[in-house]
Every structure is written in C-alpha cells, then in structure tokens.
Amino acid sequence: MEAEFASLETKVSQLASLCERLRGEAVELRQQLVAVQQENRRLSERIEAARARLEQLIVRLPD
C-alpha cells in the first residue's frame, strides 16, 4: 500500500511539473502570437501603402 502511495505521489508530482511547464509554454506562445499579429498588421499596412502608390503611378502613365 505504501509503495502505491509513493508511486501515486510521484505521478502527481510529475503531472504538476508538466502542467507548470505547459502553462509557461502557453504564455510564451501567446506572446509570440501577439508579436506576429502586430508584425502582420505592420506589413499589411506597408503593402497597402505600396499598392496605393503604384495605383497613383499607373494613373499618371501616358496612354
């Protein structure tokens, strides 16, 4: 019986450690996601600005 409790205690400890590690990874992944989303918005804005400039240049081209 004592051995079963020791084994269970070990497993619970391992599970708690795993949960803590996964929680930390989730925080890091959320932070990375926010950074990537911000970069995506910034690049989308740059693409839109370039598109608008190209359209203006195309309009100015002689027929």
PDB file of N, CA and C in Angstrom:
ATOM      1  N   MET A   1       0.823  -1.199   0.000  1.00  0.00           N
ATOM      2  CA  MET A   1       0.000   0.000   0.000  1.00  0.00           C
ATOM      3  C   MET A   1       0.860   1.253   0.000  1.00  0.00           C
ATOM      4  N   GLU A   2       1.931   1.220   0.814  1.00  0.00           N
ATOM      5  CA  GLU A   2       2.841   2.363   0.909  1.00  0.00           C
ATOM      6  C   GLU A   2       3.513   2.625  -0.443  1.00  0.00           C
ATOM      7  N   ALA A   3       3.880   1.552  -1.123  1.00  0.00           N
ATOM      8  CA  ALA A   3       4.531   1.684  -2.432  1.00  0.00           C
ATOM      9  C   ALA A   3       3.573   2.304  -3.443  1.00  0.00           C
ATOM     10  N   GLU A   4       2.294   1.938  -3.358  1.00  0.00           N
ATOM     11  CA  GLU A   4       1.293   2.503  -4.270  1.00  0.00           C
ATOM     12  C   GLU A   4       1.140   3.999  -4.033  1.00  0.00           C
ATOM     13  N   PHE A   5       1.140   4.409  -2.761  1.00  0.00           N
ATOM     14  CA  PHE A   5       1.034   5.831  -2.444  1.00  0.00           C
ATOM     15  C   PHE A   5       2.274   6.592  -2.944  1.00  0.00           C
ATOM     16  N   ALA A   6       3.427   6.003  -2.795  1.00  0.00           N
ATOM     17  CA  ALA A   6       4.667   6.640  -3.249  1.00  0.00           C
ATOM     18  C   ALA A   6       4.648   6.792  -4.764  1.00  0.00           C
ATOM     19  N   SER A   7       4.186   5.744  -5.443  1.00  0.00           N
ATOM     20  CA  SER A   7       4.090   5.788  -6.900  1.00  0.00           C
ATOM     21  C   SER A   7       3.090   6.857  -7.342  1.00  0.00           C
ATOM     22  N   LEU A   8       1.951   6.896  -6.665  1.00  0.00           N
ATOM     23  CA  LEU A   8       0.933   7.900  -6.984  1.00  0.00           C
ATOM     24  C   LEU A   8       1.462   9.305  -6.720  1.00  0.00           C
ATOM     25  N   GLU A   9       2.179   9.468  -5.615  1.00  0.00           N
ATOM     26  CA  GLU A   9       2.752  10.775  -5.297  1.00  0.00           C
ATOM     27  C   GLU A   9       3.734  11.215  -6.376  1.00  0.00           C
ATOM     28  N   THR A  10       4.536  10.295  -6.859  1.00  0.00           N
ATOM     29  CA  THR A  10       5.496  10.594  -7.924  1.00  0.00           C
ATOM     30  C   THR A  10       4.770  11.020  -9.199  1.00  0.00           C
ATOM     31  N   LYS A  11       3.739  10.270  -9.542  1.00  0.00           N
ATOM     32  CA  LYS A  11       2.976  10.577 -10.749  1.00  0.00           C
ATOM     33  C   LYS A  11       2.283  11.940 -10.642  1.00  0.00           C
ATOM     34  N   VAL A  12       1.727  12.230  -9.491  1.00  0.00           N
ATOM     35  CA  VAL A  12       1.067  13.527  -9.279  1.00  0.00           C
ATOM     36  C   VAL A  12       2.095  14.647  -9.376  1.00  0.00           C
ATOM     37  N   SER A  13       3.266  14.432  -8.814  1.00  0.00           N
ATOM     38  CA  SER A  13       4.335  15.430  -8.883  1.00  0.00           C
ATOM     39  C   SER A  13       4.767  15.656 -10.328  1.00  0.00           C
ATOM     40  N   GLN A  14       4.905  14.583 -11.081  1.00  0.00           N
ATOM     41  CA  GLN A  14       5.275  14.698 -12.494  1.00  0.00           C
ATOM     42  C   GLN A  14       4.198  15.442 -13.277  1.00  0.00           C
ATOM     43  N   LEU A  15       2.949  15.139 -12.984  1.00  0.00           N
ATOM     44  CA  LEU A  15       1.837  15.800 -13.655  1.00  0.00           C
ATOM     45  C   LEU A  15       1.822  17.295 -13.333  1.00  0.00           C
ATOM     46  N   ALA A  16       2.068  17.643 -12.083  1.00  0.00           N
ATOM     47  CA  ALA A  16       2.107  19.047 -11.680  1.00  0.00           C
ATOM     48  C   ALA A  16       3.242  19.779 -12.392  1.00  0.00           C
ATOM     49  N   SER A  17       4.388  19.134 -12.502  1.00  0.00           N
ATOM     50  CA  SER A  17       5.529  19.728 -13.208  1.00  0.00           C
ATOM     51  C   SER A  17       5.210  19.933 -14.683  1.00  0.00           C
ATOM     52  N   LEU A  18       4.592  18.934 -15.276  1.00  0.00           N
ATOM     53  CA  LEU A  18       4.202  19.040 -16.681  1.00  0.00           C
ATOM     54  C   LEU A  18       3.218  20.184 -16.892  1.00  0.00           C
ATOM     55  N   CYS A  19       2.234  20.290 -16.021  1.00  0.00           N
ATOM     56  CA  CYS A  19       1.244  21.367 -16.129  1.00  0.00           C
ATOM     57  C   CYS A  19       1.912  22.736 -16.018  1.00  0.00           C
ATOM     58  N   GLU A  20       2.852  22.857 -15.107  1.00  0.00           N
ATOM     59  CA  GLU A  20       3.557  24.127 -14.931  1.00  0.00           C
ATOM     60  C   GLU A  20       4.374  24.473 -16.178  1.00  0.00           C
ATOM     61  N   ARG A  21       5.046  23.478 -16.726  1.00  0.00           N
ATOM     62  CA  ARG A  21       5.844  23.705 -17.941  1.00  0.00           C
ATOM     63  C   ARG A  21       4.942  24.092 -19.112  1.00  0.00           C
ATOM     64  N   LEU A  22       3.827  23.392 -19.265  1.00  0.00           N
ATOM     65  CA  LEU A  22       2.903  23.686 -20.355  1.00  0.00           C
ATOM     66  C   LEU A  22       2.265  25.069 -20.191  1.00  0.00           C
ATOM     67  N   ARG A  23       2.000  25.460 -18.964  1.00  0.00           N
ATOM     68  CA  ARG A  23       1.448  26.791 -18.707  1.00  0.00           C
ATOM     69  C   ARG A  23       2.449  27.860 -19.151  1.00  0.00           C
ATOM     70  N   GLY A  24       3.721  27.642 -18.832  1.00  0.00           N
ATOM     71  CA  GLY A  24       4.766  28.576 -19.256  1.00  0.00           C
ATOM     72  C   GLY A  24       4.892  28.645 -20.766  1.00  0.00           C
ATOM     73  N   GLU A  25       4.828  27.492 -21.422  1.00  0.00           N
ATOM     74  CA  GLU A  25       4.883  27.458 -22.883  1.00  0.00           C
ATOM     75  C   GLU A  25       3.693  28.181 -23.495  1.00  0.00           C
ATOM     76  N   ALA A  26       2.529  28.024 -22.910  1.00  0.00           N
ATOM     77  CA  ALA A  26       1.329  28.689 -23.421  1.00  0.00           C
ATOM     78  C   ALA A  26       1.479  30.206 -23.333  1.00  0.00           C
ATOM     79  N   VAL A  27       2.045  30.690 -22.243  1.00  0.00           N
ATOM     80  CA  VAL A  27       2.278  32.130 -22.092  1.00  0.00           C
ATOM     81  C   VAL A  27       3.228  32.618 -23.181  1.00  0.00           C
ATOM     82  N   GLU A  28       4.319  31.878 -23.394  1.00  0.00           N
ATOM     83  CA  GLU A  28       5.278  32.251 -24.433  1.00  0.00           C
ATOM     84  C   GLU A  28       4.630  32.248 -25.809  1.00  0.00           C
ATOM     85  N   LEU A  29       3.819  31.244 -26.083  1.00  0.00           N
ATOM     86  CA  LEU A  29       3.159  31.158 -27.389  1.00  0.00           C
ATOM     87  C   LEU A  29       2.175  32.307 -27.588  1.00  0.00           C
ATOM     88  N   ARG A  30       1.456  32.687 -26.526  1.00  0.00           N
ATOM     89  CA  ARG A  30       0.542  33.833 -26.648  1.00  0.00           C
ATOM     90  C   ARG A  30       1.317  35.104 -26.956  1.00  0.00           C
ATOM     91  N   GLN A  31       2.456  35.280 -26.308  1.00  0.00           N
ATOM     92  CA  GLN A  31       3.287  36.461 -26.552  1.00  0.00           C
ATOM     93  C   GLN A  31       3.817  36.459 -27.984  1.00  0.00           C
ATOM     94  N   GLN A  32       4.242  35.303 -28.448  1.00  0.00           N
ATOM     95  CA  GLN A  32       4.722  35.196 -29.835  1.00  0.00           C
ATOM     96  C   GLN A  32       3.596  35.495 -30.816  1.00  0.00           C
ATOM     97  N   LEU A  33       2.404  35.001 -30.514  1.00  0.00           N
ATOM     98  CA  LEU A  33       1.257  35.243 -31.381  1.00  0.00           C
ATOM     99  C   LEU A  33       0.962  36.732 -31.487  1.00  0.00           C
ATOM    100  N   VAL A  34       0.966  37.431 -30.365  1.00  0.00           N
ATOM    101  CA  VAL A  34       0.712  38.873 -30.370  1.00  0.00           C
ATOM    102  C   VAL A  34       1.767  39.580 -31.211  1.00  0.00           C
ATOM    103  N   ALA A  35       3.029  39.202 -31.045  1.00  0.00           N
ATOM    104  CA  ALA A  35       4.108  39.837 -31.806  1.00  0.00           C
ATOM    105  C   ALA A  35       3.944  39.583 -33.305  1.00  0.00           C
ATOM    106  N   VAL A  36       3.601  38.364 -33.664  1.00  0.00           N
ATOM    107  CA  VAL A  36       3.423  38.026 -35.081  1.00  0.00           C
ATOM    108  C   VAL A  36       2.207  38.752 -35.657  1.00  0.00           C
ATOM    109  N   GLN A  37       1.149  38.865 -34.890  1.00  0.00           N
ATOM    110  CA  GLN A  37      -0.025  39.588 -35.368  1.00  0.00           C
ATOM    111  C   GLN A  37       0.294  41.065 -35.588  1.00  0.00           C
ATOM    112  N   GLN A  38       1.066  41.649 -34.688  1.00  0.00           N
ATOM    113  CA  GLN A  38       1.464  43.047 -34.854  1.00  0.00           C
ATOM    114  C   GLN A  38       2.325  43.215 -36.097  1.00  0.00           C
ATOM    115  N   GLU A  39       3.267  42.308 -36.300  1.00  0.00           N
ATOM    116  CA  GLU A  39       4.116  42.363 -37.487  1.00  0.00           C
ATOM    117  C   GLU A  39       3.284  42.191 -38.750  1.00  0.00           C
ATOM    118  N   ASN A  40       2.321  41.303 -38.709  1.00  0.00           N
ATOM    119  CA  ASN A  40       1.432  41.076 -39.853  1.00  0.00           C
ATOM    120  C   ASN A  40       0.657  42.349 -40.188  1.00  0.00           C
ATOM    121  N   ARG A  41       0.134  43.029 -39.166  1.00  0.00           N
ATOM    122  CA  ARG A  41      -0.585  44.288 -39.404  1.00  0.00           C
ATOM    123  C   ARG A  41       0.341  45.334 -40.009  1.00  0.00           C
ATOM    124  N   ARG A  42       1.549  45.418 -39.468  1.00  0.00           N
ATOM    125  CA  ARG A  42       2.513  46.399 -39.974  1.00  0.00           C
ATOM    126  C   ARG A  42       2.842  46.120 -41.441  1.00  0.00           C
ATOM    127  N   LEU A  43       3.077  44.869 -41.781  1.00  0.00           N
ATOM    128  CA  LEU A  43       3.390  44.525 -43.161  1.00  0.00           C
ATOM    129  C   LEU A  43       2.194  44.730 -44.079  1.00  0.00           C
ATOM    130  N   SER A  44       1.015  44.444 -43.594  1.00  0.00           N
ATOM    131  CA  SER A  44      -0.190  44.674 -44.394  1.00  0.00           C
ATOM    132  C   SER A  44      -0.365  46.155 -44.700  1.00  0.00           C
ATOM    133  N   GLU A  45      -0.070  46.997 -43.723  1.00  0.00           N
ATOM    134  CA  GLU A  45      -0.158  48.441 -43.939  1.00  0.00           C
ATOM    135  C   GLU A  45       0.868  48.896 -44.980  1.00  0.00           C
ATOM    136  N   ARG A  46       2.064  48.332 -44.908  1.00  0.00           N
ATOM    137  CA  ARG A  46       3.094  48.690 -45.890  1.00  0.00           C
ATOM    138  C   ARG A  46       2.688  48.246 -47.288  1.00  0.00           C
ATOM    139  N   ILE A  47       2.121  47.056 -47.384  1.00  0.00           N
ATOM    140  CA  ILE A  47       1.663  46.556 -48.687  1.00  0.00           C
ATOM    141  C   ILE A  47       0.558  47.457 -49.234  1.00  0.00           C
ATOM    142  N   GLU A  48      -0.363  47.837 -48.382  1.00  0.00           N
ATOM    143  CA  GLU A  48      -1.458  48.711 -48.809  1.00  0.00           C
ATOM    144  C   GLU A  48      -0.922  50.062 -49.281  1.00  0.00           C
ATOM    145  N   ALA A  49       0.045  50.620 -48.568  1.00  0.00           N
ATOM    146  CA  ALA A  49       0.636  51.899 -48.964  1.00  0.00           C
ATOM    147  C   ALA A  49       1.346  51.758 -50.311  1.00  0.00           C
ATOM    148  N   ALA A  50       2.062  50.664 -50.503  1.00  0.00           N
ATOM    149  CA  ALA A  50       2.747  50.432 -51.779  1.00  0.00           C
ATOM    150  C   ALA A  50       1.738  50.270 -52.910  1.00  0.00           C
ATOM    151  N   ARG A  51       0.658  49.568 -52.638  1.00  0.00           N
ATOM    152  CA  ARG A  51      -0.389  49.386 -53.653  1.00  0.00           C
ATOM    153  C   ARG A  51      -0.972  50.730 -54.056  1.00  0.00           C
ATOM    154  N   ALA A  52      -1.244  51.576 -53.077  1.00  0.00           N
ATOM    155  CA  ALA A  52      -1.813  52.893 -53.363  1.00  0.00           C
ATOM    156  C   ALA A  52      -0.835  53.730 -54.188  1.00  0.00           C
ATOM    157  N   ARG A  53       0.449  53.686 -53.840  1.00  0.00           N
ATOM    158  CA  ARG A  53       1.442  54.440 -54.619  1.00  0.00           C
ATOM    159  C   ARG A  53       1.524  53.920 -56.046  1.00  0.00           C
ATOM    160  N   LEU A  54       1.484  52.606 -56.214  1.00  0.00           N
ATOM    161  CA  LEU A  54       1.521  52.035 -57.560  1.00  0.00           C
ATOM    162  C   LEU A  54       0.304  52.446 -58.373  1.00  0.00           C
ATOM    163  N   GLU A  55      -0.839  52.457 -57.753  1.00  0.00           N
ATOM    164  CA  GLU A  55      -2.051  52.879 -58.459  1.00  0.00           C
ATOM    165  C   GLU A  55      -1.923  54.328 -58.913  1.00  0.00           C
ATOM    166  N   GLN A  56      -1.368  55.167 -58.042  1.00  0.00           N
ATOM    167  CA  GLN A  56      -1.170  56.571 -58.416  1.00  0.00           C
ATOM    168  C   GLN A  56      -0.203  56.695 -59.589  1.00  0.00           C
ATOM    169  N   LEU A  57       0.854  55.898 -59.580  1.00  0.00           N
ATOM    170  CA  LEU A  57       1.821  55.939 -60.682  1.00  0.00           C
ATOM    171  C   LEU A  57       1.188  55.441 -61.972  1.00  0.00           C
ATOM    172  N   ILE A  58       0.383  54.410 -61.887  1.00  0.00           N
ATOM    173  CA  ILE A  58      -0.275  53.861 -63.083  1.00  0.00           C
ATOM    174  C   ILE A  58      -1.201  54.896 -63.701  1.00  0.00           C
ATOM    175  N   VAL A  59      -1.914  55.641 -62.854  1.00  0.00           N
ATOM    176  CA  VAL A  59      -2.833  56.666 -63.351  1.00  0.00           C
ATOM    177  C   VAL A  59      -2.054  57.752 -64.107  1.00  0.00           C
ATOM    178  N   ARG A  60      -0.850  58.040 -63.675  1.00  0.00           N
ATOM    179  CA  ARG A  60      -0.054  59.096 -64.306  1.00  0.00           C
ATOM    180  C   ARG A  60       0.595  58.664 -65.620  1.00  0.00           C
ATOM    181  N   LEU A  61       0.645  57.365 -65.880  1.00  0.00           N
ATOM    182  CA  LEU A  61       1.297  56.891 -67.101  1.00  0.00           C
ATOM    183  C   LEU A  61       0.528  57.399 -68.327  1.00  0.00           C
ATOM    184  N   PRO A  62       1.260  57.815 -69.328  1.00  0.00           N
ATOM    185  CA  PRO A  62       0.585  58.253 -70.563  1.00  0.00           C
ATOM    186  C   PRO A  62      -0.047  57.058 -71.272  1.00  0.00           C
ATOM    187  N   ASP A  63      -1.109  57.308 -71.951  1.00  0.00           N
ATOM    188  CA  ASP A  63      -1.784  56.228 -72.695  1.00  0.00           C
ATOM    189  C   ASP A  63      -1.039  55.946 -73.914  1.00  0.00           C
TER     190      ASP A  63
END
